[in-house]
N, C-alpha and C. Protein backbone atom coordinates (compact mmCIF):
# COMPACT_ATOMS: atom_id res chain seq x y z
N MET A 1 -46.85 26.14 135.48
CA MET A 1 -46.67 25.79 134.08
C MET A 1 -47.70 24.76 133.62
N LYS A 2 -47.89 23.71 134.46
CA LYS A 2 -48.86 22.68 134.10
C LYS A 2 -50.26 23.26 134.00
N THR A 3 -50.59 24.16 134.91
CA THR A 3 -51.91 24.79 134.90
C THR A 3 -52.12 25.60 133.63
N GLU A 4 -51.10 26.36 133.23
CA GLU A 4 -51.19 27.16 132.01
C GLU A 4 -51.34 26.26 130.79
N MET A 5 -50.61 25.17 130.73
CA MET A 5 -50.72 24.23 129.60
C MET A 5 -52.11 23.60 129.55
N LEU A 6 -52.63 23.24 130.71
CA LEU A 6 -53.97 22.65 130.78
C LEU A 6 -55.02 23.65 130.30
N MET A 7 -54.90 24.91 130.70
CA MET A 7 -55.83 25.93 130.25
C MET A 7 -55.74 26.14 128.75
N LEU A 8 -54.54 26.18 128.20
CA LEU A 8 -54.36 26.34 126.76
C LEU A 8 -54.95 25.15 125.99
N ALA A 9 -54.73 23.95 126.50
CA ALA A 9 -55.28 22.76 125.86
C ALA A 9 -56.80 22.79 125.89
N THR A 10 -57.37 23.22 127.00
CA THR A 10 -58.83 23.31 127.11
C THR A 10 -59.38 24.30 126.10
N LEU A 11 -58.76 25.46 125.98
CA LEU A 11 -59.21 26.46 125.01
C LEU A 11 -59.08 25.94 123.59
N ALA A 12 -58.02 25.24 123.30
CA ALA A 12 -57.80 24.72 121.95
C ALA A 12 -58.82 23.64 121.60
N LEU A 13 -59.26 22.86 122.58
CA LEU A 13 -60.18 21.76 122.31
C LEU A 13 -61.65 22.18 122.39
N ALA A 14 -61.96 23.36 122.87
CA ALA A 14 -63.35 23.80 123.03
C ALA A 14 -64.14 23.71 121.72
N PRO A 15 -63.61 24.19 120.57
CA PRO A 15 -64.39 24.07 119.33
C PRO A 15 -64.67 22.61 118.95
N ILE A 16 -63.76 21.72 119.25
CA ILE A 16 -63.97 20.30 118.95
C ILE A 16 -65.09 19.75 119.81
N ALA A 17 -65.15 20.18 121.07
CA ALA A 17 -66.22 19.73 121.97
C ALA A 17 -67.58 20.17 121.47
N VAL A 18 -67.67 21.41 120.95
CA VAL A 18 -68.94 21.89 120.40
C VAL A 18 -69.33 21.05 119.20
N TYR A 19 -68.37 20.77 118.32
CA TYR A 19 -68.65 19.94 117.15
C TYR A 19 -69.10 18.54 117.58
N ALA A 20 -68.43 17.97 118.56
CA ALA A 20 -68.80 16.64 119.05
C ALA A 20 -70.19 16.66 119.65
N HIS A 21 -70.55 17.75 120.33
CA HIS A 21 -71.89 17.88 120.89
C HIS A 21 -72.93 17.80 119.79
N ASP A 22 -72.72 18.53 118.67
CA ASP A 22 -73.67 18.48 117.56
C ASP A 22 -73.76 17.08 117.00
N GLY A 23 -72.67 16.40 116.87
CA GLY A 23 -72.67 15.02 116.38
C GLY A 23 -73.41 14.10 117.32
N GLU A 24 -73.24 14.31 118.63
CA GLU A 24 -73.97 13.49 119.61
C GLU A 24 -75.46 13.69 119.44
N HIS A 25 -75.88 14.96 119.25
CA HIS A 25 -77.30 15.26 119.06
C HIS A 25 -77.83 14.55 117.83
N GLN A 26 -77.13 14.65 116.73
CA GLN A 26 -77.59 14.03 115.50
C GLN A 26 -77.66 12.52 115.64
N GLY A 27 -76.68 11.92 116.28
CA GLY A 27 -76.69 10.47 116.45
C GLY A 27 -77.84 10.01 117.31
N MET A 28 -78.13 10.74 118.40
CA MET A 28 -79.22 10.35 119.29
C MET A 28 -80.56 10.53 118.61
N MET A 29 -80.66 11.49 117.70
CA MET A 29 -81.94 11.81 117.09
C MET A 29 -82.13 11.13 115.74
N SER A 30 -81.18 10.34 115.29
CA SER A 30 -81.25 9.79 113.94
C SER A 30 -82.50 8.96 113.70
N GLY A 31 -83.07 8.38 114.72
CA GLY A 31 -84.28 7.60 114.53
C GLY A 31 -85.55 8.40 114.64
N MET A 32 -85.44 9.70 114.89
CA MET A 32 -86.64 10.48 115.16
C MET A 32 -87.24 11.09 113.90
N MET A 33 -86.79 12.25 113.46
CA MET A 33 -87.46 12.96 112.39
C MET A 33 -86.44 13.66 111.49
N HIS A 34 -86.90 14.14 110.32
CA HIS A 34 -85.95 14.87 109.48
C HIS A 34 -86.69 15.77 108.51
N GLY A 35 -85.97 16.71 107.90
CA GLY A 35 -86.56 17.57 106.90
C GLY A 35 -86.46 19.03 107.25
N LYS A 36 -87.49 19.80 106.89
CA LYS A 36 -87.46 21.24 107.08
C LYS A 36 -88.85 21.73 107.40
N SER A 37 -88.98 22.69 108.30
CA SER A 37 -90.27 23.28 108.61
C SER A 37 -90.17 24.79 108.51
N GLU A 38 -91.30 25.46 108.73
CA GLU A 38 -91.30 26.91 108.65
C GLU A 38 -90.90 27.54 109.97
N GLY A 39 -90.55 26.75 110.96
CA GLY A 39 -90.18 27.27 112.28
C GLY A 39 -88.77 27.81 112.31
N ALA A 40 -88.30 28.11 113.51
CA ALA A 40 -87.00 28.74 113.70
C ALA A 40 -85.86 27.73 113.80
N HIS A 41 -86.14 26.44 113.70
CA HIS A 41 -85.09 25.44 113.82
C HIS A 41 -84.28 25.36 112.54
N ALA A 42 -83.02 24.87 112.66
CA ALA A 42 -82.16 24.87 111.49
C ALA A 42 -81.32 23.62 111.33
N GLN A 43 -81.67 22.51 111.97
CA GLN A 43 -80.84 21.31 111.86
C GLN A 43 -81.73 20.07 111.66
N ASP A 44 -81.40 19.23 110.69
CA ASP A 44 -82.17 18.02 110.45
C ASP A 44 -81.76 16.94 111.44
N VAL A 45 -82.75 16.10 111.87
CA VAL A 45 -82.43 15.10 112.88
C VAL A 45 -83.04 13.73 112.65
N GLY A 46 -83.19 13.23 111.44
CA GLY A 46 -83.70 11.88 111.27
C GLY A 46 -84.97 11.85 110.45
N HIS A 47 -85.85 10.85 110.67
CA HIS A 47 -87.11 10.74 109.93
C HIS A 47 -88.16 10.02 110.76
N ALA A 48 -89.36 10.53 110.76
CA ALA A 48 -90.44 10.01 111.61
C ALA A 48 -91.32 9.02 110.85
N ASP A 49 -90.76 7.96 110.31
CA ASP A 49 -91.54 6.99 109.55
C ASP A 49 -92.71 6.42 110.34
N GLY A 50 -92.54 6.22 111.62
CA GLY A 50 -93.56 5.58 112.44
C GLY A 50 -94.82 6.38 112.62
N ILE A 51 -94.77 7.70 112.48
CA ILE A 51 -95.96 8.51 112.71
C ILE A 51 -96.54 9.09 111.43
N GLY A 52 -95.89 8.92 110.33
CA GLY A 52 -96.38 9.47 109.08
C GLY A 52 -95.25 10.07 108.28
N LYS A 53 -95.60 11.08 107.48
CA LYS A 53 -94.60 11.71 106.63
C LYS A 53 -95.02 13.14 106.33
N PRO A 54 -94.07 13.95 105.86
CA PRO A 54 -94.42 15.31 105.49
C PRO A 54 -95.55 15.31 104.47
N GLY A 55 -96.50 16.19 104.66
CA GLY A 55 -97.66 16.23 103.76
C GLY A 55 -97.42 17.09 102.54
N ASN A 56 -98.12 16.76 101.47
CA ASN A 56 -98.09 17.54 100.25
C ASN A 56 -99.05 18.72 100.43
N PRO A 57 -98.57 19.97 100.35
CA PRO A 57 -99.45 21.12 100.54
C PRO A 57 -100.61 21.19 99.56
N ASN A 58 -100.47 20.53 98.41
CA ASN A 58 -101.54 20.52 97.41
C ASN A 58 -102.59 19.45 97.67
N LYS A 59 -102.36 18.60 98.68
CA LYS A 59 -103.30 17.50 98.96
C LYS A 59 -103.77 17.53 100.41
N VAL A 60 -103.92 18.73 100.97
CA VAL A 60 -104.37 18.87 102.35
C VAL A 60 -105.83 18.48 102.47
N SER A 61 -106.13 17.59 103.41
CA SER A 61 -107.50 17.15 103.66
C SER A 61 -108.29 18.22 104.42
N ARG A 62 -107.65 18.82 105.41
CA ARG A 62 -108.29 19.87 106.19
C ARG A 62 -107.25 20.60 107.03
N ALA A 63 -107.67 21.75 107.54
CA ALA A 63 -106.80 22.55 108.39
C ALA A 63 -107.29 22.47 109.83
N ILE A 64 -106.35 22.44 110.76
CA ILE A 64 -106.67 22.45 112.18
C ILE A 64 -105.88 23.58 112.82
N GLN A 65 -106.59 24.48 113.49
CA GLN A 65 -105.96 25.60 114.21
C GLN A 65 -105.44 25.09 115.55
N VAL A 66 -104.21 25.42 115.89
CA VAL A 66 -103.62 25.06 117.18
C VAL A 66 -103.01 26.32 117.78
N VAL A 67 -103.36 26.59 119.04
CA VAL A 67 -102.83 27.75 119.74
C VAL A 67 -101.92 27.26 120.86
N MET A 68 -100.73 27.87 120.96
CA MET A 68 -99.78 27.57 122.03
C MET A 68 -99.76 28.78 122.96
N SER A 69 -99.78 28.51 124.27
CA SER A 69 -99.84 29.62 125.22
C SER A 69 -98.83 29.46 126.35
N ASP A 70 -98.61 30.57 127.06
CA ASP A 70 -97.65 30.57 128.16
C ASP A 70 -98.14 29.83 129.40
N ASP A 71 -99.40 29.39 129.40
CA ASP A 71 -99.85 28.53 130.51
C ASP A 71 -99.46 27.08 130.25
N MET A 72 -98.58 26.90 129.24
CA MET A 72 -98.01 25.60 128.87
C MET A 72 -99.09 24.62 128.42
N ARG A 73 -99.96 25.13 127.53
CA ARG A 73 -101.05 24.31 126.99
C ARG A 73 -101.18 24.54 125.50
N PHE A 74 -101.68 23.50 124.82
CA PHE A 74 -102.10 23.58 123.43
C PHE A 74 -103.62 23.62 123.41
N THR A 75 -104.19 24.38 122.49
CA THR A 75 -105.63 24.36 122.28
C THR A 75 -105.87 24.14 120.80
N PRO A 76 -106.47 23.01 120.42
CA PRO A 76 -106.94 21.92 121.27
C PRO A 76 -105.76 21.03 121.72
N ALA A 77 -106.00 20.29 122.79
CA ALA A 77 -104.97 19.37 123.31
C ALA A 77 -105.18 17.95 122.80
N SER A 78 -106.31 17.71 122.16
CA SER A 78 -106.62 16.39 121.62
C SER A 78 -107.19 16.56 120.21
N ILE A 79 -106.61 15.82 119.28
CA ILE A 79 -106.99 15.95 117.86
C ILE A 79 -107.26 14.56 117.30
N GLY A 80 -108.35 14.44 116.54
CA GLY A 80 -108.67 13.18 115.86
C GLY A 80 -108.53 13.34 114.37
N VAL A 81 -107.87 12.37 113.72
CA VAL A 81 -107.71 12.38 112.27
C VAL A 81 -107.93 10.97 111.74
N LYS A 82 -108.12 10.88 110.43
CA LYS A 82 -108.26 9.58 109.78
C LYS A 82 -106.93 9.20 109.16
N ARG A 83 -106.65 7.90 109.16
CA ARG A 83 -105.43 7.41 108.53
C ARG A 83 -105.42 7.84 107.06
N GLY A 84 -104.30 8.35 106.61
CA GLY A 84 -104.15 8.82 105.24
C GLY A 84 -104.41 10.31 105.08
N GLU A 85 -105.04 10.93 106.06
CA GLU A 85 -105.33 12.36 105.97
C GLU A 85 -104.05 13.19 106.02
N THR A 86 -104.05 14.26 105.23
CA THR A 86 -102.98 15.23 105.29
C THR A 86 -103.55 16.46 105.98
N ILE A 87 -102.96 16.82 107.10
CA ILE A 87 -103.46 17.91 107.92
C ILE A 87 -102.54 19.13 107.80
N ARG A 88 -103.16 20.27 107.62
CA ARG A 88 -102.43 21.55 107.68
C ARG A 88 -102.69 22.10 109.08
N PHE A 89 -101.68 21.99 109.95
CA PHE A 89 -101.78 22.57 111.28
C PHE A 89 -101.40 24.04 111.16
N VAL A 90 -102.36 24.91 111.46
CA VAL A 90 -102.10 26.34 111.47
C VAL A 90 -101.84 26.69 112.93
N VAL A 91 -100.58 26.91 113.25
CA VAL A 91 -100.13 27.02 114.63
C VAL A 91 -99.83 28.48 114.96
N ARG A 92 -100.35 28.92 116.12
CA ARG A 92 -100.14 30.31 116.55
C ARG A 92 -99.58 30.31 117.97
N ASN A 93 -98.52 31.07 118.17
CA ASN A 93 -97.95 31.26 119.49
C ASN A 93 -98.60 32.50 120.10
N ALA A 94 -99.57 32.28 120.99
CA ALA A 94 -100.27 33.38 121.65
C ALA A 94 -99.52 33.87 122.88
N GLY A 95 -98.38 33.30 123.17
CA GLY A 95 -97.62 33.63 124.37
C GLY A 95 -96.60 34.72 124.17
N SER A 96 -95.83 34.95 125.22
CA SER A 96 -94.79 35.97 125.20
C SER A 96 -93.38 35.35 125.19
N ILE A 97 -93.31 34.00 125.07
CA ILE A 97 -92.05 33.29 124.97
C ILE A 97 -92.11 32.31 123.80
N LYS A 98 -90.95 31.83 123.37
CA LYS A 98 -90.88 30.89 122.24
C LYS A 98 -91.54 29.56 122.62
N HIS A 99 -92.33 29.01 121.69
CA HIS A 99 -92.95 27.70 121.85
C HIS A 99 -92.77 26.92 120.55
N GLU A 100 -92.98 25.60 120.63
CA GLU A 100 -92.93 24.78 119.42
C GLU A 100 -93.95 23.66 119.53
N MET A 101 -94.29 23.13 118.38
CA MET A 101 -95.17 21.96 118.29
C MET A 101 -94.38 20.89 117.54
N VAL A 102 -94.16 19.76 118.21
CA VAL A 102 -93.41 18.65 117.63
C VAL A 102 -94.29 17.41 117.69
N ILE A 103 -94.53 16.77 116.55
CA ILE A 103 -95.34 15.55 116.49
C ILE A 103 -94.41 14.35 116.57
N GLY A 104 -94.76 13.35 117.39
CA GLY A 104 -93.95 12.15 117.52
C GLY A 104 -94.57 11.15 118.46
N THR A 105 -93.84 10.10 118.75
CA THR A 105 -94.29 9.17 119.79
C THR A 105 -93.86 9.74 121.14
N MET A 106 -94.50 9.31 122.20
CA MET A 106 -94.14 9.82 123.52
C MET A 106 -92.67 9.51 123.84
N ALA A 107 -92.21 8.33 123.45
CA ALA A 107 -90.81 7.97 123.70
C ALA A 107 -89.86 8.94 123.00
N GLU A 108 -90.14 9.27 121.73
CA GLU A 108 -89.31 10.22 120.98
C GLU A 108 -89.34 11.60 121.63
N LEU A 109 -90.54 12.03 122.01
CA LEU A 109 -90.68 13.36 122.60
C LEU A 109 -89.95 13.46 123.93
N LYS A 110 -90.04 12.41 124.74
CA LYS A 110 -89.32 12.41 126.04
C LYS A 110 -87.82 12.48 125.82
N GLN A 111 -87.32 11.70 124.86
CA GLN A 111 -85.88 11.69 124.57
C GLN A 111 -85.43 13.07 124.08
N HIS A 112 -86.21 13.65 123.19
CA HIS A 112 -85.86 14.95 122.63
C HIS A 112 -85.95 16.04 123.70
N ALA A 113 -86.97 15.97 124.58
CA ALA A 113 -87.11 16.95 125.67
C ALA A 113 -85.89 16.90 126.59
N ALA A 114 -85.43 15.69 126.89
CA ALA A 114 -84.24 15.54 127.75
C ALA A 114 -83.02 16.17 127.07
N LEU A 115 -82.90 15.98 125.77
CA LEU A 115 -81.79 16.56 125.02
C LEU A 115 -81.88 18.09 125.02
N MET A 116 -83.08 18.61 124.88
CA MET A 116 -83.28 20.06 124.89
C MET A 116 -82.93 20.66 126.26
N ARG A 117 -83.18 19.92 127.33
CA ARG A 117 -82.80 20.40 128.66
C ARG A 117 -81.27 20.48 128.78
N ARG A 118 -80.59 19.49 128.19
CA ARG A 118 -79.12 19.48 128.24
C ARG A 118 -78.51 20.55 127.36
N PHE A 119 -79.15 20.82 126.21
CA PHE A 119 -78.62 21.75 125.23
C PHE A 119 -79.71 22.74 124.82
N PRO A 120 -80.08 23.68 125.69
CA PRO A 120 -81.25 24.54 125.48
C PRO A 120 -81.17 25.45 124.25
N ARG A 121 -80.00 25.72 123.73
CA ARG A 121 -79.90 26.58 122.54
C ARG A 121 -79.85 25.77 121.25
N MET A 122 -80.07 24.47 121.34
CA MET A 122 -80.03 23.60 120.17
C MET A 122 -81.07 24.06 119.14
N GLU A 123 -80.67 24.11 117.90
CA GLU A 123 -81.56 24.47 116.79
C GLU A 123 -81.66 23.29 115.84
N HIS A 124 -82.87 23.05 115.32
CA HIS A 124 -83.08 21.97 114.37
C HIS A 124 -84.30 22.29 113.53
N SER A 125 -84.47 21.59 112.43
CA SER A 125 -85.59 21.84 111.53
C SER A 125 -86.07 20.51 110.99
N ASP A 126 -87.32 20.22 111.24
CA ASP A 126 -87.90 18.96 110.81
C ASP A 126 -89.32 19.20 110.31
N PRO A 127 -89.81 18.39 109.39
CA PRO A 127 -91.15 18.62 108.83
C PRO A 127 -92.27 18.33 109.84
N ASN A 128 -91.99 17.64 110.92
CA ASN A 128 -93.01 17.32 111.92
C ASN A 128 -92.97 18.29 113.10
N MET A 129 -92.32 19.44 112.92
CA MET A 129 -92.24 20.41 114.01
C MET A 129 -92.22 21.82 113.48
N ILE A 130 -92.66 22.72 114.36
CA ILE A 130 -92.58 24.14 114.05
C ILE A 130 -92.26 24.87 115.35
N THR A 131 -91.35 25.81 115.27
CA THR A 131 -90.98 26.64 116.40
C THR A 131 -91.36 28.07 116.06
N LEU A 132 -92.04 28.74 117.01
CA LEU A 132 -92.52 30.08 116.73
C LEU A 132 -92.15 31.06 117.84
N ALA A 133 -91.73 32.22 117.43
CA ALA A 133 -91.47 33.32 118.36
C ALA A 133 -92.81 33.83 118.89
N PRO A 134 -92.78 34.56 119.98
CA PRO A 134 -94.02 35.11 120.54
C PRO A 134 -94.82 35.90 119.50
N GLY A 135 -96.13 35.65 119.47
CA GLY A 135 -97.03 36.38 118.57
C GLY A 135 -97.00 35.93 117.13
N LYS A 136 -96.17 34.95 116.78
CA LYS A 136 -96.03 34.50 115.38
C LYS A 136 -96.93 33.30 115.10
N SER A 137 -97.21 33.09 113.81
CA SER A 137 -97.99 31.95 113.34
C SER A 137 -97.24 31.26 112.22
N GLY A 138 -97.56 30.00 111.99
CA GLY A 138 -96.95 29.25 110.91
C GLY A 138 -97.74 27.99 110.64
N GLU A 139 -97.27 27.21 109.69
CA GLU A 139 -97.97 25.98 109.30
C GLU A 139 -97.06 24.78 109.38
N LEU A 140 -97.66 23.67 109.71
CA LEU A 140 -96.99 22.37 109.73
C LEU A 140 -97.93 21.44 108.96
N ILE A 141 -97.46 20.83 107.89
CA ILE A 141 -98.30 19.95 107.07
C ILE A 141 -97.81 18.53 107.22
N TRP A 142 -98.70 17.65 107.69
CA TRP A 142 -98.32 16.29 108.01
C TRP A 142 -99.36 15.30 107.54
N GLN A 143 -98.91 14.19 106.94
CA GLN A 143 -99.82 13.10 106.55
C GLN A 143 -99.64 11.96 107.54
N PHE A 144 -100.76 11.56 108.14
CA PHE A 144 -100.74 10.45 109.10
C PHE A 144 -101.01 9.16 108.32
N THR A 145 -99.97 8.33 108.17
CA THR A 145 -100.04 7.16 107.30
C THR A 145 -100.43 5.87 108.00
N ARG A 146 -100.49 5.89 109.33
CA ARG A 146 -100.93 4.67 110.01
C ARG A 146 -101.77 5.02 111.22
N ALA A 147 -102.67 4.11 111.55
CA ALA A 147 -103.55 4.31 112.70
C ALA A 147 -102.77 4.16 113.99
N GLY A 148 -103.27 4.80 115.02
CA GLY A 148 -102.64 4.69 116.33
C GLY A 148 -102.76 5.97 117.12
N SER A 149 -102.14 5.97 118.26
CA SER A 149 -102.11 7.15 119.13
C SER A 149 -100.73 7.76 119.08
N PHE A 150 -100.68 9.03 118.78
CA PHE A 150 -99.43 9.76 118.70
C PHE A 150 -99.54 11.00 119.57
N ASP A 151 -98.48 11.72 119.69
CA ASP A 151 -98.46 12.86 120.59
C ASP A 151 -97.82 14.05 119.92
N PHE A 152 -98.02 15.20 120.52
CA PHE A 152 -97.28 16.40 120.14
C PHE A 152 -96.96 17.14 121.42
N ALA A 153 -95.88 17.91 121.37
CA ALA A 153 -95.43 18.60 122.57
C ALA A 153 -94.58 19.80 122.21
N CYS A 154 -94.44 20.68 123.20
CA CYS A 154 -93.46 21.76 123.11
C CYS A 154 -92.23 21.27 123.84
N LEU A 155 -91.10 21.24 123.15
CA LEU A 155 -89.88 20.70 123.73
C LEU A 155 -88.89 21.79 124.14
N GLN A 156 -89.35 23.02 124.20
CA GLN A 156 -88.51 24.07 124.78
C GLN A 156 -88.25 23.66 126.23
N PRO A 157 -87.05 23.88 126.75
CA PRO A 157 -86.72 23.41 128.10
C PRO A 157 -87.78 23.81 129.14
N GLY A 158 -88.28 22.78 129.84
CA GLY A 158 -89.26 22.97 130.91
C GLY A 158 -90.70 22.93 130.46
N HIS A 159 -90.98 23.16 129.19
CA HIS A 159 -92.37 23.21 128.73
C HIS A 159 -93.02 21.83 128.73
N PHE A 160 -92.32 20.83 128.22
CA PHE A 160 -92.82 19.45 128.21
C PHE A 160 -93.11 19.00 129.64
N GLU A 161 -92.17 19.27 130.54
CA GLU A 161 -92.30 18.87 131.93
C GLU A 161 -93.46 19.58 132.62
N ALA A 162 -93.81 20.78 132.14
CA ALA A 162 -94.91 21.55 132.70
C ALA A 162 -96.26 21.10 132.15
N GLY A 163 -96.24 20.11 131.25
CA GLY A 163 -97.50 19.57 130.72
C GLY A 163 -97.91 20.08 129.36
N MET A 164 -97.01 20.70 128.63
CA MET A 164 -97.35 21.23 127.29
C MET A 164 -97.26 20.09 126.28
N VAL A 165 -98.29 19.24 126.33
CA VAL A 165 -98.38 18.05 125.47
C VAL A 165 -99.82 17.93 124.95
N GLY A 166 -99.96 17.22 123.86
CA GLY A 166 -101.26 16.95 123.28
C GLY A 166 -101.25 15.57 122.64
N ALA A 167 -102.43 15.14 122.22
CA ALA A 167 -102.56 13.79 121.65
C ALA A 167 -103.24 13.85 120.28
N VAL A 168 -102.80 12.95 119.40
CA VAL A 168 -103.42 12.77 118.08
C VAL A 168 -103.88 11.32 118.01
N SER A 169 -105.16 11.14 117.76
CA SER A 169 -105.71 9.79 117.58
C SER A 169 -105.98 9.60 116.10
N VAL A 170 -105.32 8.61 115.50
CA VAL A 170 -105.47 8.35 114.07
C VAL A 170 -106.28 7.07 113.92
N LYS A 171 -107.47 7.17 113.35
CA LYS A 171 -108.37 6.03 113.16
C LYS A 171 -108.29 5.49 111.76
């Protein structure tokens, strides 16, 4: 009888656990980024004030082509921009699996990668990231408002750990 009651209680509480999981994700990510991108993500998670802000598509300084591949690399892996520039990243997934490009600080990217490992089906949408299915292309428009060194990475489970990272130097 106790076992049956425990099983029924577990089934009844399962939807609450899923809801709590989403709340945990949002709370942990509240300091990171927020908004909407053209990628496959569907959940907002904060704001990336420290690395810049979503760019105005009508004020793009230049476009930079970025290719993501199944060898867990970005091409180019190092990008230089000027402070204040609005960049249109034209991102292409040349691989046969889903990849994403997320701009942030290394600390933010590491935290988010760890969360993605724990919750691999997590979906989110932020202006500093784009997620693309195999063979697809999209755009990410970002204005870099302060000088410094920033990073970008694919945070699909295992990709970050495999070295799918890049650097942005803002002068």
